[in-house]
Amino acid sequence: MESILCVDIPVQMISCTDTNGKITPLRFRFRDKNGEIITITIDRILSEDQDRNRVGAHFSCAARIYGSQKTFQLWYNYFAHEWRLSRLTL
C-alpha cells in the first residue's frame, strides 16, 4: 500500500473513555500537506492495543478520506496525552 502522508502527524481527537479506562477514538482532524484542515469520522476500529503497561495505545482504523475508504494507524501517548496519525494508506 502506498503511504500518502508523512508518519507521525499530530491530530486533534474526539474520543470516549469508559469507566474502565478503555479508549475509543471517534473523530479527529489534522492539517494535510496543502494546509487544509481535514475532519475524519472513524467508521471502524480494525484492531487495538491498549496495554496499560506500555507508553501508549495503538489503533488500526478505517474511514472515508478524500472520498475513498482508507486505513490508518492512530497512536495515543498516555504520558503526553497526545494523539498522532502514524500512517495513512490507500
C-alpha atoms as a PDB file:
ATOM      1  CA  MET A   1       0.000   0.000   0.000  1.00  0.00           C
ATOM      2  CA  GLU A   2       1.216   3.471  -0.802  1.00  0.00           C
ATOM      3  CA  SER A   3       1.597   5.967   2.043  1.00  0.00           C
ATOM      4  CA  ILE A   4       0.142   9.385   1.158  1.00  0.00           C
ATOM      5  CA  LEU A   5       1.008  11.272   4.331  1.00  0.00           C
ATOM      6  CA  CYS A   6       4.148  11.580   6.419  1.00  0.00           C
ATOM      7  CA  VAL A   7       4.499   9.462   9.519  1.00  0.00           C
ATOM      8  CA  ASP A   8       3.783  10.992  12.935  1.00  0.00           C
ATOM      9  CA  ILE A   9       1.271  13.778  12.276  1.00  0.00           C
ATOM     10  CA  PRO A  10      -0.351  15.381  15.358  1.00  0.00           C
ATOM     11  CA  VAL A  11      -4.156  15.241  15.359  1.00  0.00           C
ATOM     12  CA  GLN A  12      -6.975  16.749  17.390  1.00  0.00           C
ATOM     13  CA  MET A  13      -9.089  13.826  18.625  1.00  0.00           C
ATOM     14  CA  ILE A  14     -12.586  13.319  19.960  1.00  0.00           C
ATOM     15  CA  SER A  15     -12.662  10.035  21.853  1.00  0.00           C
ATOM     16  CA  CYS A  16     -14.710   8.296  24.507  1.00  0.00           C
ATOM     17  CA  THR A  17     -13.205   6.672  27.603  1.00  0.00           C
ATOM     18  CA  ASP A  18     -15.317   4.203  29.582  1.00  0.00           C
ATOM     19  CA  THR A  19     -15.279   3.701  33.361  1.00  0.00           C
ATOM     20  CA  ASN A  20     -12.578   1.016  32.999  1.00  0.00           C
ATOM     21  CA  GLY A  21     -10.254   3.358  31.071  1.00  0.00           C
ATOM     22  CA  LYS A  22     -10.814   1.821  27.624  1.00  0.00           C
ATOM     23  CA  ILE A  23     -10.376   4.498  24.937  1.00  0.00           C
ATOM     24  CA  THR A  24     -12.497   4.577  21.757  1.00  0.00           C
ATOM     25  CA  PRO A  25     -11.411   7.109  19.125  1.00  0.00           C
ATOM     26  CA  LEU A  26     -14.428   8.608  17.319  1.00  0.00           C
ATOM     27  CA  ARG A  27     -13.393  11.571  15.159  1.00  0.00           C
ATOM     28  CA  PHE A  28     -10.223  13.565  14.523  1.00  0.00           C
ATOM     29  CA  ARG A  29      -8.852  16.351  12.403  1.00  0.00           C
ATOM     30  CA  PHE A  30      -5.456  17.237  11.017  1.00  0.00           C
ATOM     31  CA  ARG A  31      -3.777  19.638   8.628  1.00  0.00           C
ATOM     32  CA  ASP A  32      -2.962  17.993   5.284  1.00  0.00           C
ATOM     33  CA  LYS A  33       0.094  18.679   3.101  1.00  0.00           C
ATOM     34  CA  ASN A  34      -1.760  21.588   1.436  1.00  0.00           C
ATOM     35  CA  GLY A  35      -2.517  23.207   4.802  1.00  0.00           C
ATOM     36  CA  GLU A  36      -6.240  22.360   4.775  1.00  0.00           C
ATOM     37  CA  ILE A  37      -7.885  21.095   7.965  1.00  0.00           C
ATOM     38  CA  ILE A  38      -9.423  17.691   7.276  1.00  0.00           C
ATOM     39  CA  THR A  39     -12.012  16.173   9.664  1.00  0.00           C
ATOM     40  CA  ILE A  40     -12.359  12.387   9.700  1.00  0.00           C
ATOM     41  CA  THR A  41     -15.114  10.320  11.347  1.00  0.00           C
ATOM     42  CA  ILE A  42     -13.816   6.836  12.120  1.00  0.00           C
ATOM     43  CA  ASP A  43     -16.001   4.130  10.527  1.00  0.00           C
ATOM     44  CA  ARG A  44     -14.353   1.047  12.075  1.00  0.00           C
ATOM     45  CA  ILE A  45     -11.611   0.194  14.519  1.00  0.00           C
ATOM     46  CA  LEU A  46      -9.892  -2.774  12.899  1.00  0.00           C
ATOM     47  CA  SER A  47      -7.564  -3.588  15.800  1.00  0.00           C
ATOM     48  CA  GLU A  48      -6.345  -2.024  19.010  1.00  0.00           C
ATOM     49  CA  ASP A  49      -3.655  -2.471  21.638  1.00  0.00           C
ATOM     50  CA  GLN A  50      -4.340  -0.628  24.894  1.00  0.00           C
ATOM     51  CA  ASP A  51      -1.896  -2.407  27.216  1.00  0.00           C
ATOM     52  CA  ARG A  52      -1.606  -0.046  30.212  1.00  0.00           C
ATOM     53  CA  ASN A  53       1.957  -1.282  30.916  1.00  0.00           C
ATOM     54  CA  ARG A  54       3.183   0.461  27.765  1.00  0.00           C
ATOM     55  CA  VAL A  55       3.659   4.113  26.830  1.00  0.00           C
ATOM     56  CA  GLY A  56       0.563   4.361  24.637  1.00  0.00           C
ATOM     57  CA  ALA A  57      -2.384   2.826  22.829  1.00  0.00           C
ATOM     58  CA  HIS A  58      -2.335   1.856  19.150  1.00  0.00           C
ATOM     59  CA  PHE A  59      -5.402   1.712  16.900  1.00  0.00           C
ATOM     60  CA  SER A  60      -5.753   0.494  13.331  1.00  0.00           C
ATOM     61  CA  CYS A  61      -8.831   2.163  11.813  1.00  0.00           C
ATOM     62  CA  ALA A  62     -10.794   2.641   8.587  1.00  0.00           C
ATOM     63  CA  ALA A  63     -12.673   5.702   7.333  1.00  0.00           C
ATOM     64  CA  ARG A  64     -13.601   7.622   4.195  1.00  0.00           C
ATOM     65  CA  ILE A  65     -10.876  10.184   3.481  1.00  0.00           C
ATOM     66  CA  TYR A  66     -10.793  12.306   0.324  1.00  0.00           C
ATOM     67  CA  GLY A  67     -13.838  10.375  -0.919  1.00  0.00           C
ATOM     68  CA  SER A  68     -12.412   6.857  -0.688  1.00  0.00           C
ATOM     69  CA  GLN A  69     -12.045   4.209   2.009  1.00  0.00           C
ATOM     70  CA  LYS A  70      -8.627   4.295   3.688  1.00  0.00           C
ATOM     71  CA  THR A  71      -6.900   2.547   6.569  1.00  0.00           C
ATOM     72  CA  PHE A  72      -4.647   4.306   9.041  1.00  0.00           C
ATOM     73  CA  GLN A  73      -2.886   3.966  12.370  1.00  0.00           C
ATOM     74  CA  LEU A  74      -3.554   6.207  15.370  1.00  0.00           C
ATOM     75  CA  TRP A  75      -1.401   6.347  18.468  1.00  0.00           C
ATOM     76  CA  TYR A  76      -2.242   7.838  21.874  1.00  0.00           C
ATOM     77  CA  ASN A  77       0.611   8.623  24.295  1.00  0.00           C
ATOM     78  CA  TYR A  78      -0.592   8.061  27.876  1.00  0.00           C
ATOM     79  CA  PHE A  79       2.037  10.355  29.430  1.00  0.00           C
ATOM     80  CA  ALA A  80       1.907  13.270  26.970  1.00  0.00           C
ATOM     81  CA  HIS A  81      -1.895  12.964  26.483  1.00  0.00           C
ATOM     82  CA  GLU A  82      -1.369  13.378  22.757  1.00  0.00           C
ATOM     83  CA  TRP A  83      -2.778  11.706  19.641  1.00  0.00           C
ATOM     84  CA  ARG A  84      -0.767  11.100  16.446  1.00  0.00           C
ATOM     85  CA  LEU A  85      -1.630   9.759  12.992  1.00  0.00           C
ATOM     86  CA  SER A  86       1.240   7.417  12.265  1.00  0.00           C
ATOM     87  CA  ARG A  87       0.272   6.097   8.831  1.00  0.00           C
ATOM     88  CA  LEU A  88      -2.395   6.707   6.197  1.00  0.00           C
ATOM     89  CA  THR A  89      -2.546   4.265   3.282  1.00  0.00           C
ATOM     90  CA  LEU A  90      -4.533   3.931   0.090  1.00  0.00           C
END
